Amino acid sequence: MSAYLITIEVALQDSALALESVIQAELQKRGEPFQWAVTDVDCQRQIVSIDALLWLKPELI
């Protein structure tokens, strides 16, 4: 496995728990999350940007 820094965007959710679930699910599609942080919230577009350090699955590299 290799570690990579990625940025993703997800839709803003109604609660923090729902947002965390959406973020975790989206990151799991790409690899094994090691660390992540919300880096921007665009309230007008209802989008949240996340920077994440992932252990990527070999088939996704």
Foldseek 3Di string as FASTA:
>chain_A
DDKDKDKDKDAADPDPVVVVVVVCVVVVVFAAWDDKDFDDADPVVRMTMMITIGDGDPVND
